N, C-alpha and C. Protein backbone atom coordinates (compact mmCIF):
# COMPACT_ATOMS: atom_id res chain seq x y z
N MET A 1 94.24 -57.47 31.94
CA MET A 1 93.58 -56.21 32.18
C MET A 1 92.67 -56.38 33.39
N ASP A 2 92.81 -55.50 34.38
CA ASP A 2 91.97 -55.59 35.55
C ASP A 2 90.66 -54.83 35.34
N ILE A 3 89.70 -55.12 36.19
CA ILE A 3 88.36 -54.57 36.03
C ILE A 3 88.34 -53.06 36.27
N GLU A 4 89.22 -52.55 37.15
CA GLU A 4 89.26 -51.11 37.40
C GLU A 4 89.64 -50.34 36.13
N TYR A 5 90.53 -50.92 35.34
CA TYR A 5 90.91 -50.29 34.08
C TYR A 5 89.70 -50.18 33.16
N PHE A 6 88.90 -51.23 33.09
CA PHE A 6 87.67 -51.21 32.30
C PHE A 6 86.74 -50.12 32.81
N TYR A 7 86.59 -50.01 34.12
CA TYR A 7 85.73 -48.98 34.72
C TYR A 7 86.22 -47.58 34.35
N LYS A 8 87.53 -47.40 34.39
CA LYS A 8 88.09 -46.09 34.05
C LYS A 8 87.78 -45.72 32.60
N VAL A 9 88.00 -46.65 31.71
CA VAL A 9 87.74 -46.39 30.29
C VAL A 9 86.24 -46.13 30.07
N ALA A 10 85.40 -46.93 30.70
CA ALA A 10 83.95 -46.74 30.56
C ALA A 10 83.53 -45.37 31.09
N GLY A 11 84.09 -44.98 32.22
CA GLY A 11 83.75 -43.67 32.78
C GLY A 11 84.16 -42.52 31.89
N LEU A 12 85.35 -42.59 31.35
CA LEU A 12 85.80 -41.54 30.44
C LEU A 12 84.96 -41.51 29.17
N LEU A 13 84.58 -42.68 28.70
CA LEU A 13 83.70 -42.75 27.53
C LEU A 13 82.33 -42.14 27.85
N GLY A 14 81.80 -42.44 29.01
CA GLY A 14 80.51 -41.86 29.42
C GLY A 14 80.58 -40.35 29.53
N ALA A 15 81.67 -39.84 30.08
CA ALA A 15 81.84 -38.39 30.19
C ALA A 15 81.93 -37.75 28.81
N THR A 16 82.61 -38.42 27.90
CA THR A 16 82.73 -37.90 26.53
C THR A 16 81.37 -37.87 25.85
N ILE A 17 80.59 -38.92 26.03
CA ILE A 17 79.24 -38.97 25.45
C ILE A 17 78.38 -37.84 26.01
N ALA A 18 78.45 -37.63 27.33
CA ALA A 18 77.66 -36.57 27.96
C ALA A 18 78.07 -35.20 27.41
N TRP A 19 79.38 -34.98 27.25
CA TRP A 19 79.85 -33.71 26.72
C TRP A 19 79.38 -33.51 25.28
N LEU A 20 79.49 -34.54 24.46
CA LEU A 20 79.03 -34.43 23.07
C LEU A 20 77.54 -34.15 22.99
N HIS A 21 76.78 -34.77 23.88
CA HIS A 21 75.33 -34.52 23.91
C HIS A 21 75.04 -33.06 24.24
N GLN A 22 75.77 -32.50 25.20
CA GLN A 22 75.56 -31.10 25.56
C GLN A 22 75.92 -30.17 24.41
N VAL A 23 77.02 -30.46 23.73
CA VAL A 23 77.43 -29.64 22.59
C VAL A 23 76.37 -29.70 21.50
N ARG A 24 75.87 -30.89 21.25
CA ARG A 24 74.85 -31.07 20.20
C ARG A 24 73.56 -30.35 20.55
N THR A 25 73.15 -30.42 21.81
CA THR A 25 71.93 -29.74 22.24
C THR A 25 72.08 -28.24 22.14
N LYS A 26 73.24 -27.71 22.53
CA LYS A 26 73.48 -26.27 22.42
C LYS A 26 73.44 -25.84 20.96
N SER A 27 74.02 -26.64 20.09
CA SER A 27 74.00 -26.32 18.67
C SER A 27 72.57 -26.27 18.14
N ARG A 28 71.76 -27.24 18.55
CA ARG A 28 70.35 -27.25 18.11
C ARG A 28 69.61 -26.03 18.63
N ARG A 29 69.87 -25.63 19.87
CA ARG A 29 69.21 -24.44 20.42
C ARG A 29 69.65 -23.19 19.67
N ASP A 30 70.93 -23.12 19.33
CA ASP A 30 71.41 -21.98 18.55
C ASP A 30 70.73 -21.93 17.18
N LYS A 31 70.52 -23.11 16.58
CA LYS A 31 69.84 -23.16 15.28
C LYS A 31 68.39 -22.72 15.40
N ILE A 32 67.73 -23.09 16.49
CA ILE A 32 66.35 -22.65 16.71
C ILE A 32 66.31 -21.14 16.84
N LYS A 33 67.24 -20.57 17.60
CA LYS A 33 67.29 -19.12 17.77
C LYS A 33 67.47 -18.42 16.43
N LEU A 34 68.40 -18.93 15.63
CA LEU A 34 68.63 -18.35 14.31
C LEU A 34 67.40 -18.51 13.42
N ASP A 35 66.78 -19.68 13.44
CA ASP A 35 65.57 -19.91 12.64
C ASP A 35 64.43 -18.99 13.06
N LEU A 36 64.32 -18.71 14.36
CA LEU A 36 63.27 -17.78 14.82
C LEU A 36 63.50 -16.38 14.26
N GLU A 37 64.76 -15.96 14.21
CA GLU A 37 65.08 -14.67 13.62
C GLU A 37 64.76 -14.66 12.13
N ILE A 38 65.10 -15.75 11.45
CA ILE A 38 64.80 -15.86 10.02
C ILE A 38 63.29 -15.87 9.79
N LEU A 39 62.56 -16.59 10.64
CA LEU A 39 61.10 -16.65 10.51
C LEU A 39 60.48 -15.27 10.65
N GLU A 40 60.95 -14.51 11.63
CA GLU A 40 60.42 -13.15 11.82
C GLU A 40 60.65 -12.30 10.58
N LYS A 41 61.86 -12.36 10.03
CA LYS A 41 62.18 -11.57 8.83
C LYS A 41 61.39 -12.06 7.62
N ALA A 42 61.25 -13.39 7.47
CA ALA A 42 60.51 -13.94 6.33
C ALA A 42 59.05 -13.52 6.39
N ARG A 43 58.46 -13.54 7.58
CA ARG A 43 57.07 -13.12 7.71
C ARG A 43 56.90 -11.64 7.38
N ASP A 44 57.87 -10.83 7.83
CA ASP A 44 57.78 -9.39 7.54
C ASP A 44 57.93 -9.11 6.05
N LEU A 45 58.85 -9.79 5.39
CA LEU A 45 59.12 -9.51 3.99
C LEU A 45 58.19 -10.24 3.03
N LEU A 46 57.87 -11.51 3.35
CA LEU A 46 57.13 -12.34 2.40
C LEU A 46 55.68 -12.61 2.80
N GLY A 47 55.33 -12.30 4.03
CA GLY A 47 53.97 -12.56 4.50
C GLY A 47 53.94 -13.81 5.39
N ARG A 48 52.94 -13.85 6.25
CA ARG A 48 52.83 -14.93 7.23
C ARG A 48 52.62 -16.29 6.58
N GLU A 49 51.95 -16.33 5.46
CA GLU A 49 51.61 -17.61 4.83
C GLU A 49 52.50 -17.96 3.65
N SER A 50 53.65 -17.30 3.54
CA SER A 50 54.54 -17.63 2.44
C SER A 50 55.13 -19.03 2.65
N ARG A 51 55.49 -19.65 1.55
CA ARG A 51 56.05 -21.01 1.60
C ARG A 51 57.33 -21.05 2.44
N THR A 52 58.18 -20.05 2.29
CA THR A 52 59.44 -19.99 3.04
C THR A 52 59.17 -19.90 4.53
N ALA A 53 58.26 -19.02 4.93
CA ALA A 53 57.95 -18.87 6.36
C ALA A 53 57.39 -20.16 6.94
N LEU A 54 56.55 -20.84 6.18
CA LEU A 54 55.98 -22.11 6.66
C LEU A 54 57.05 -23.19 6.79
N LEU A 55 57.99 -23.24 5.85
CA LEU A 55 59.08 -24.22 5.93
C LEU A 55 59.97 -23.97 7.15
N VAL A 56 60.29 -22.71 7.40
CA VAL A 56 61.12 -22.37 8.56
C VAL A 56 60.37 -22.72 9.85
N GLU A 57 59.08 -22.45 9.87
CA GLU A 57 58.27 -22.76 11.05
C GLU A 57 58.26 -24.27 11.33
N LYS A 58 58.12 -25.08 10.29
CA LYS A 58 58.15 -26.55 10.45
C LYS A 58 59.50 -27.01 10.98
N SER A 59 60.57 -26.40 10.47
CA SER A 59 61.91 -26.76 10.92
C SER A 59 62.08 -26.45 12.42
N ILE A 60 61.58 -25.31 12.84
CA ILE A 60 61.65 -24.93 14.25
C ILE A 60 60.86 -25.93 15.10
N GLU A 61 59.68 -26.32 14.64
CA GLU A 61 58.86 -27.27 15.39
C GLU A 61 59.56 -28.62 15.54
N ARG A 62 60.18 -29.10 14.46
CA ARG A 62 60.90 -30.39 14.52
C ARG A 62 62.06 -30.33 15.52
N ARG A 63 62.86 -29.28 15.43
CA ARG A 63 63.98 -29.16 16.36
C ARG A 63 63.49 -29.02 17.80
N GLY A 64 62.42 -28.27 17.98
CA GLY A 64 61.86 -28.11 19.33
C GLY A 64 61.38 -29.43 19.90
N ASP A 65 60.75 -30.25 19.06
CA ASP A 65 60.30 -31.56 19.52
C ASP A 65 61.47 -32.45 19.92
N VAL A 66 62.56 -32.37 19.17
CA VAL A 66 63.73 -33.18 19.48
C VAL A 66 64.36 -32.73 20.81
N ILE A 67 64.52 -31.43 20.98
CA ILE A 67 65.19 -30.92 22.17
C ILE A 67 64.30 -30.97 23.40
N TYR A 68 63.09 -30.51 23.25
CA TYR A 68 62.22 -30.35 24.41
C TYR A 68 61.25 -31.50 24.60
N GLY A 69 61.25 -32.45 23.68
CA GLY A 69 60.51 -33.69 23.85
C GLY A 69 59.01 -33.56 23.89
N ASP A 70 58.41 -33.05 22.83
CA ASP A 70 56.96 -32.97 22.76
C ASP A 70 56.38 -34.37 22.84
N ARG A 71 55.57 -34.61 23.84
CA ARG A 71 54.98 -35.93 24.06
C ARG A 71 53.59 -36.06 23.43
N SER A 72 53.06 -34.95 22.95
CA SER A 72 51.68 -35.00 22.46
C SER A 72 51.55 -35.63 21.09
N GLU A 73 52.51 -35.41 20.21
CA GLU A 73 52.39 -35.90 18.84
C GLU A 73 53.63 -36.67 18.43
N GLY A 74 53.64 -37.96 18.73
CA GLY A 74 54.71 -38.80 18.25
C GLY A 74 56.02 -38.68 19.00
N GLY A 75 56.05 -38.00 20.14
CA GLY A 75 57.27 -37.93 20.93
C GLY A 75 57.53 -39.28 21.57
N SER A 76 58.69 -39.43 22.17
CA SER A 76 59.04 -40.74 22.73
C SER A 76 58.16 -41.09 23.91
N GLY A 77 57.85 -40.13 24.76
CA GLY A 77 56.92 -40.35 25.85
C GLY A 77 57.40 -41.30 26.93
N THR A 78 58.65 -41.69 26.93
CA THR A 78 59.13 -42.60 27.97
C THR A 78 59.22 -41.86 29.29
N ALA A 79 58.93 -42.59 30.37
CA ALA A 79 58.95 -41.99 31.70
C ALA A 79 60.37 -41.80 32.20
N VAL A 80 61.32 -42.50 31.63
CA VAL A 80 62.70 -42.45 32.08
C VAL A 80 63.59 -42.19 30.88
N SER A 81 64.57 -41.32 31.07
CA SER A 81 65.56 -41.10 30.01
C SER A 81 66.63 -42.17 30.16
N TRP A 82 66.53 -43.20 29.35
CA TRP A 82 67.49 -44.30 29.44
C TRP A 82 68.90 -43.85 29.09
N ALA A 83 69.02 -42.89 28.20
CA ALA A 83 70.34 -42.38 27.85
C ALA A 83 70.99 -41.72 29.06
N ASP A 84 70.25 -40.89 29.77
CA ASP A 84 70.80 -40.23 30.95
C ASP A 84 71.12 -41.23 32.06
N LEU A 85 70.25 -42.23 32.24
CA LEU A 85 70.54 -43.25 33.25
C LEU A 85 71.78 -44.06 32.88
N SER A 86 71.94 -44.34 31.61
CA SER A 86 73.14 -45.07 31.16
C SER A 86 74.40 -44.27 31.44
N VAL A 87 74.37 -42.97 31.12
CA VAL A 87 75.53 -42.12 31.38
C VAL A 87 75.81 -42.08 32.89
N PHE A 88 74.75 -42.01 33.70
CA PHE A 88 74.93 -42.01 35.16
C PHE A 88 75.68 -43.26 35.61
N PHE A 89 75.22 -44.43 35.20
CA PHE A 89 75.85 -45.67 35.64
C PHE A 89 77.28 -45.82 35.09
N ILE A 90 77.48 -45.42 33.86
CA ILE A 90 78.81 -45.51 33.27
C ILE A 90 79.78 -44.58 34.01
N CYS A 91 79.35 -43.36 34.29
CA CYS A 91 80.21 -42.43 35.02
C CYS A 91 80.43 -42.89 36.46
N LEU A 92 79.43 -43.51 37.05
CA LEU A 92 79.57 -44.06 38.40
C LEU A 92 80.64 -45.16 38.42
N LEU A 93 80.59 -46.03 37.42
CA LEU A 93 81.62 -47.06 37.32
C LEU A 93 83.00 -46.45 37.12
N GLY A 94 83.08 -45.44 36.28
CA GLY A 94 84.36 -44.77 36.05
C GLY A 94 84.88 -44.11 37.30
N ALA A 95 84.00 -43.45 38.05
CA ALA A 95 84.42 -42.82 39.31
C ALA A 95 84.94 -43.87 40.27
N TYR A 96 84.26 -45.00 40.34
CA TYR A 96 84.72 -46.09 41.19
C TYR A 96 86.10 -46.59 40.73
N GLY A 97 86.27 -46.74 39.42
CA GLY A 97 87.54 -47.21 38.90
C GLY A 97 88.70 -46.29 39.25
N PHE A 98 88.47 -44.97 39.18
CA PHE A 98 89.55 -44.04 39.49
C PHE A 98 89.77 -43.88 40.99
N ALA A 99 88.75 -44.10 41.79
CA ALA A 99 88.88 -43.92 43.25
C ALA A 99 89.09 -45.23 43.98
N SER A 100 89.17 -46.35 43.27
CA SER A 100 89.21 -47.66 43.91
C SER A 100 90.50 -47.93 44.69
N GLU A 101 91.52 -47.14 44.44
CA GLU A 101 92.77 -47.35 45.17
C GLU A 101 92.74 -46.76 46.56
N GLY A 102 91.67 -46.03 46.87
CA GLY A 102 91.52 -45.48 48.21
C GLY A 102 92.58 -44.44 48.54
N ALA A 103 93.21 -44.58 49.69
CA ALA A 103 94.20 -43.60 50.16
C ALA A 103 95.47 -43.63 49.30
N ASP A 104 95.70 -44.72 48.59
CA ASP A 104 96.89 -44.83 47.75
C ASP A 104 96.71 -44.19 46.37
N ALA A 105 95.52 -43.68 46.09
CA ALA A 105 95.24 -43.10 44.78
C ALA A 105 96.01 -41.80 44.59
N LYS A 106 96.42 -41.58 43.37
CA LYS A 106 97.07 -40.31 43.04
C LYS A 106 96.01 -39.22 43.04
N ILE A 107 96.44 -38.00 43.28
CA ILE A 107 95.49 -36.89 43.39
C ILE A 107 94.70 -36.70 42.09
N TRP A 108 95.34 -36.90 40.94
CA TRP A 108 94.61 -36.70 39.69
C TRP A 108 93.56 -37.78 39.49
N HIS A 109 93.79 -38.97 40.05
CA HIS A 109 92.76 -40.02 39.98
C HIS A 109 91.53 -39.59 40.76
N LEU A 110 91.75 -39.00 41.91
CA LEU A 110 90.63 -38.54 42.73
C LEU A 110 89.89 -37.37 42.07
N VAL A 111 90.65 -36.50 41.41
CA VAL A 111 90.01 -35.39 40.70
C VAL A 111 89.15 -35.92 39.55
N VAL A 112 89.68 -36.85 38.78
CA VAL A 112 88.91 -37.44 37.68
C VAL A 112 87.68 -38.17 38.23
N ALA A 113 87.85 -38.89 39.35
CA ALA A 113 86.71 -39.57 39.97
C ALA A 113 85.64 -38.56 40.37
N GLY A 114 86.07 -37.43 40.92
CA GLY A 114 85.12 -36.38 41.31
C GLY A 114 84.39 -35.79 40.12
N VAL A 115 85.12 -35.56 39.05
CA VAL A 115 84.49 -35.01 37.83
C VAL A 115 83.49 -36.01 37.26
N LEU A 116 83.88 -37.28 37.21
CA LEU A 116 82.96 -38.30 36.70
C LEU A 116 81.71 -38.41 37.58
N ALA A 117 81.90 -38.34 38.89
CA ALA A 117 80.76 -38.39 39.80
C ALA A 117 79.85 -37.18 39.57
N PHE A 118 80.44 -36.02 39.37
CA PHE A 118 79.67 -34.81 39.10
C PHE A 118 78.85 -34.94 37.82
N ILE A 119 79.49 -35.43 36.77
CA ILE A 119 78.78 -35.64 35.50
C ILE A 119 77.67 -36.67 35.69
N GLY A 120 77.96 -37.74 36.43
CA GLY A 120 76.96 -38.77 36.68
C GLY A 120 75.76 -38.24 37.43
N VAL A 121 76.00 -37.43 38.45
CA VAL A 121 74.89 -36.85 39.21
C VAL A 121 74.07 -35.93 38.30
N GLY A 122 74.74 -35.16 37.46
CA GLY A 122 74.02 -34.31 36.50
C GLY A 122 73.14 -35.14 35.57
N ALA A 123 73.66 -36.27 35.09
CA ALA A 123 72.88 -37.15 34.22
C ALA A 123 71.68 -37.73 34.98
N LEU A 124 71.89 -38.09 36.25
CA LEU A 124 70.79 -38.62 37.06
C LEU A 124 69.71 -37.56 37.25
N LEU A 125 70.12 -36.33 37.53
CA LEU A 125 69.14 -35.24 37.67
C LEU A 125 68.39 -35.00 36.37
N ASN A 126 69.08 -35.09 35.24
CA ASN A 126 68.40 -34.97 33.94
C ASN A 126 67.37 -36.08 33.76
N ALA A 127 67.72 -37.30 34.16
CA ALA A 127 66.80 -38.43 34.03
C ALA A 127 65.57 -38.22 34.90
N ILE A 128 65.77 -37.71 36.11
CA ILE A 128 64.64 -37.44 37.00
C ILE A 128 63.76 -36.34 36.42
N GLU A 129 64.37 -35.28 35.91
CA GLU A 129 63.61 -34.19 35.30
C GLU A 129 62.84 -34.67 34.08
N HIS A 130 63.46 -35.55 33.30
CA HIS A 130 62.78 -36.12 32.13
C HIS A 130 61.54 -36.88 32.56
N GLY A 131 61.66 -37.63 33.64
CA GLY A 131 60.51 -38.37 34.16
C GLY A 131 59.39 -37.44 34.61
N ARG A 132 59.74 -36.34 35.24
CA ARG A 132 58.73 -35.37 35.67
C ARG A 132 58.02 -34.75 34.48
N ARG A 133 58.80 -34.40 33.45
CA ARG A 133 58.19 -33.79 32.25
C ARG A 133 57.28 -34.79 31.55
N ALA A 134 57.67 -36.07 31.54
CA ALA A 134 56.86 -37.08 30.85
C ALA A 134 55.53 -37.29 31.59
N ARG A 135 55.52 -37.13 32.90
CA ARG A 135 54.28 -37.33 33.67
C ARG A 135 53.40 -36.11 33.68
N SER A 136 53.97 -34.91 33.48
CA SER A 136 53.17 -33.70 33.53
C SER A 136 52.36 -33.55 32.25
N PRO A 137 51.18 -32.93 32.37
CA PRO A 137 50.33 -32.76 31.17
C PRO A 137 50.87 -31.76 30.20
């Protein structure tokens, strides 16, 4: 097995991880939206201090901390998103693996290399944005 094959597999794996992360984040955001609607209805029907309304509110806060990374109370607080940086490097390796044949590469190899590079750049931008959010008050 040559090293380019390893790079290709790693890149495709990195792209799959990035896609799954996006799907999971969207699902969590959809759940927050639904919980906010439920919270509004629970407060209207049961009162602001009802047990149900308070439970829904806590659930929204937990999901919000996971997605948006609250650094004030027990959040990770890291200056760098290691997950995003890992996806960047893995996709970079994969792009290299698919484009390593140069002019002899098949067109679909170059397309996959471009897609992996695009995903990698997106992950790098996410890592940079994470660092900015961690430094801001």
